[in-house]
Amino acid sequence: MIEIQKMTAASAKAAAELEAICFASPWSEDALLQMSENPNASFLCAFSDGVFAGYAGMLCVLDEGQICNVAVCPTFRRM
């Protein structure tokens, strides 16, 4: 079962660790947490049976949404 939750301090840590795996220029834990607290942004985390599986972030400007990042843990890819 997949559960979607807003990013928290605990999930920002997991997302930062995933960033380091997925991207050459990863966002820091602090940067992810700051963005998740921005009222114009939506950063969501996916959990599979309670295990962090990935996250996605979007910044809203006026009537448009800009996808910031999408990252999936290697063990949950292609599912």
C-alpha atoms as a PDB file:
ATOM      1  CA  MET A   1       0.000   0.000   0.000  1.00  0.00           C
ATOM      2  CA  ILE A   2       1.339   3.446  -0.965  1.00  0.00           C
ATOM      3  CA  GLU A   3       0.708   6.380   1.367  1.00  0.00           C
ATOM      4  CA  ILE A   4       1.369   9.996   0.371  1.00  0.00           C
ATOM      5  CA  GLN A   5       2.270  12.524   3.095  1.00  0.00           C
ATOM      6  CA  LYS A   6       3.485  16.103   3.249  1.00  0.00           C
ATOM      7  CA  MET A   7       7.239  16.317   3.731  1.00  0.00           C
ATOM      8  CA  THR A   8       8.311  16.616   7.378  1.00  0.00           C
ATOM      9  CA  ALA A   9      11.697  17.065   9.043  1.00  0.00           C
ATOM     10  CA  ALA A  10      12.087  13.277   9.243  1.00  0.00           C
ATOM     11  CA  SER A  11      11.151  12.683   5.606  1.00  0.00           C
ATOM     12  CA  ALA A  12      13.330  15.635   4.459  1.00  0.00           C
ATOM     13  CA  LYS A  13      16.315  13.719   5.853  1.00  0.00           C
ATOM     14  CA  ALA A  14      15.358  10.627   3.848  1.00  0.00           C
ATOM     15  CA  ALA A  15      14.721  12.769   0.754  1.00  0.00           C
ATOM     16  CA  ALA A  16      18.165  14.401   1.072  1.00  0.00           C
ATOM     17  CA  GLU A  17      19.792  10.971   1.264  1.00  0.00           C
ATOM     18  CA  LEU A  18      17.864   9.946  -1.859  1.00  0.00           C
ATOM     19  CA  GLU A  19      18.912  13.192  -3.594  1.00  0.00           C
ATOM     20  CA  ALA A  20      22.558  12.210  -3.094  1.00  0.00           C
ATOM     21  CA  ILE A  21      21.888   8.885  -4.816  1.00  0.00           C
ATOM     22  CA  CYS A  22      19.876  10.281  -7.718  1.00  0.00           C
ATOM     23  CA  PHE A  23      21.395  13.632  -8.635  1.00  0.00           C
ATOM     24  CA  ALA A  24      24.864  15.054  -9.329  1.00  0.00           C
ATOM     25  CA  SER A  25      23.960  18.320  -7.543  1.00  0.00           C
ATOM     26  CA  PRO A  26      21.665  17.184  -4.727  1.00  0.00           C
ATOM     27  CA  TRP A  27      19.558  19.515  -2.607  1.00  0.00           C
ATOM     28  CA  SER A  28      20.474  19.593   1.074  1.00  0.00           C
ATOM     29  CA  GLU A  29      18.169  18.488   3.852  1.00  0.00           C
ATOM     30  CA  ASP A  30      17.793  22.142   4.914  1.00  0.00           C
ATOM     31  CA  ALA A  31      16.915  23.256   1.374  1.00  0.00           C
ATOM     32  CA  LEU A  32      14.274  20.527   1.060  1.00  0.00           C
ATOM     33  CA  LEU A  33      12.783  21.394   4.433  1.00  0.00           C
ATOM     34  CA  GLN A  34      12.690  25.114   3.631  1.00  0.00           C
ATOM     35  CA  MET A  35      10.980  24.453   0.303  1.00  0.00           C
ATOM     36  CA  SER A  36       8.469  22.108   1.933  1.00  0.00           C
ATOM     37  CA  GLU A  37       7.510  24.893   4.360  1.00  0.00           C
ATOM     38  CA  ASN A  38       7.003  27.425   1.543  1.00  0.00           C
ATOM     39  CA  PRO A  39       3.254  28.187   1.255  1.00  0.00           C
ATOM     40  CA  ASN A  40       3.618  28.291  -2.545  1.00  0.00           C
ATOM     41  CA  ALA A  41       5.186  24.840  -2.746  1.00  0.00           C
ATOM     42  CA  SER A  42       3.995  21.303  -2.328  1.00  0.00           C
ATOM     43  CA  PHE A  43       6.541  18.649  -1.378  1.00  0.00           C
ATOM     44  CA  LEU A  44       5.079  15.182  -0.925  1.00  0.00           C
ATOM     45  CA  CYS A  45       6.647  11.887   0.124  1.00  0.00           C
ATOM     46  CA  ALA A  46       5.573   8.370  -0.776  1.00  0.00           C
ATOM     47  CA  PHE A  47       5.772   5.506   1.691  1.00  0.00           C
ATOM     48  CA  SER A  48       5.249   1.856   0.826  1.00  0.00           C
ATOM     49  CA  ASP A  49       4.088  -0.043   3.903  1.00  0.00           C
ATOM     50  CA  GLY A  50       5.774   2.609   6.060  1.00  0.00           C
ATOM     51  CA  VAL A  51       9.087   2.586   4.145  1.00  0.00           C
ATOM     52  CA  PHE A  52      10.198   5.813   2.436  1.00  0.00           C
ATOM     53  CA  ALA A  53       9.913   5.211  -1.318  1.00  0.00           C
ATOM     54  CA  GLY A  54      10.434   8.660  -2.855  1.00  0.00           C
ATOM     55  CA  TYR A  55       9.283  12.229  -3.090  1.00  0.00           C
ATOM     56  CA  ALA A  56       8.156  14.936  -5.491  1.00  0.00           C
ATOM     57  CA  GLY A  57       8.146  18.707  -5.176  1.00  0.00           C
ATOM     58  CA  MET A  58       6.292  21.448  -7.004  1.00  0.00           C
ATOM     59  CA  LEU A  59       6.455  25.228  -6.769  1.00  0.00           C
ATOM     60  CA  CYS A  60       3.316  27.186  -7.667  1.00  0.00           C
ATOM     61  CA  VAL A  61       3.699  30.626  -9.238  1.00  0.00           C
ATOM     62  CA  LEU A  62       0.476  32.443 -10.138  1.00  0.00           C
ATOM     63  CA  ASP A  63      -1.545  29.828 -12.030  1.00  0.00           C
ATOM     64  CA  GLU A  64       1.352  27.576 -13.036  1.00  0.00           C
ATOM     65  CA  GLY A  65       3.138  24.726 -11.311  1.00  0.00           C
ATOM     66  CA  GLN A  66       6.852  24.028 -11.742  1.00  0.00           C
ATOM     67  CA  ILE A  67       8.066  20.547 -10.885  1.00  0.00           C
ATOM     68  CA  CYS A  68      11.230  20.910  -8.809  1.00  0.00           C
ATOM     69  CA  ASN A  69      12.302  17.291  -8.399  1.00  0.00           C
ATOM     70  CA  VAL A  70      10.965  13.762  -8.495  1.00  0.00           C
ATOM     71  CA  ALA A  71      13.040  10.971  -6.981  1.00  0.00           C
ATOM     72  CA  VAL A  72      12.289   7.296  -6.347  1.00  0.00           C
ATOM     73  CA  CYS A  73      14.370   4.948  -4.222  1.00  0.00           C
ATOM     74  CA  PRO A  74      16.079   2.349  -6.437  1.00  0.00           C
ATOM     75  CA  THR A  75      14.250  -0.574  -4.785  1.00  0.00           C
ATOM     76  CA  PHE A  76      10.857   0.962  -5.643  1.00  0.00           C
ATOM     77  CA  ARG A  77      11.539   1.821  -9.285  1.00  0.00           C
ATOM     78  CA  ARG A  78       9.546   0.131 -12.059  1.00  0.00           C
ATOM     79  CA  MET A  79       6.767  -0.856  -9.659  1.00  0.00           C
END
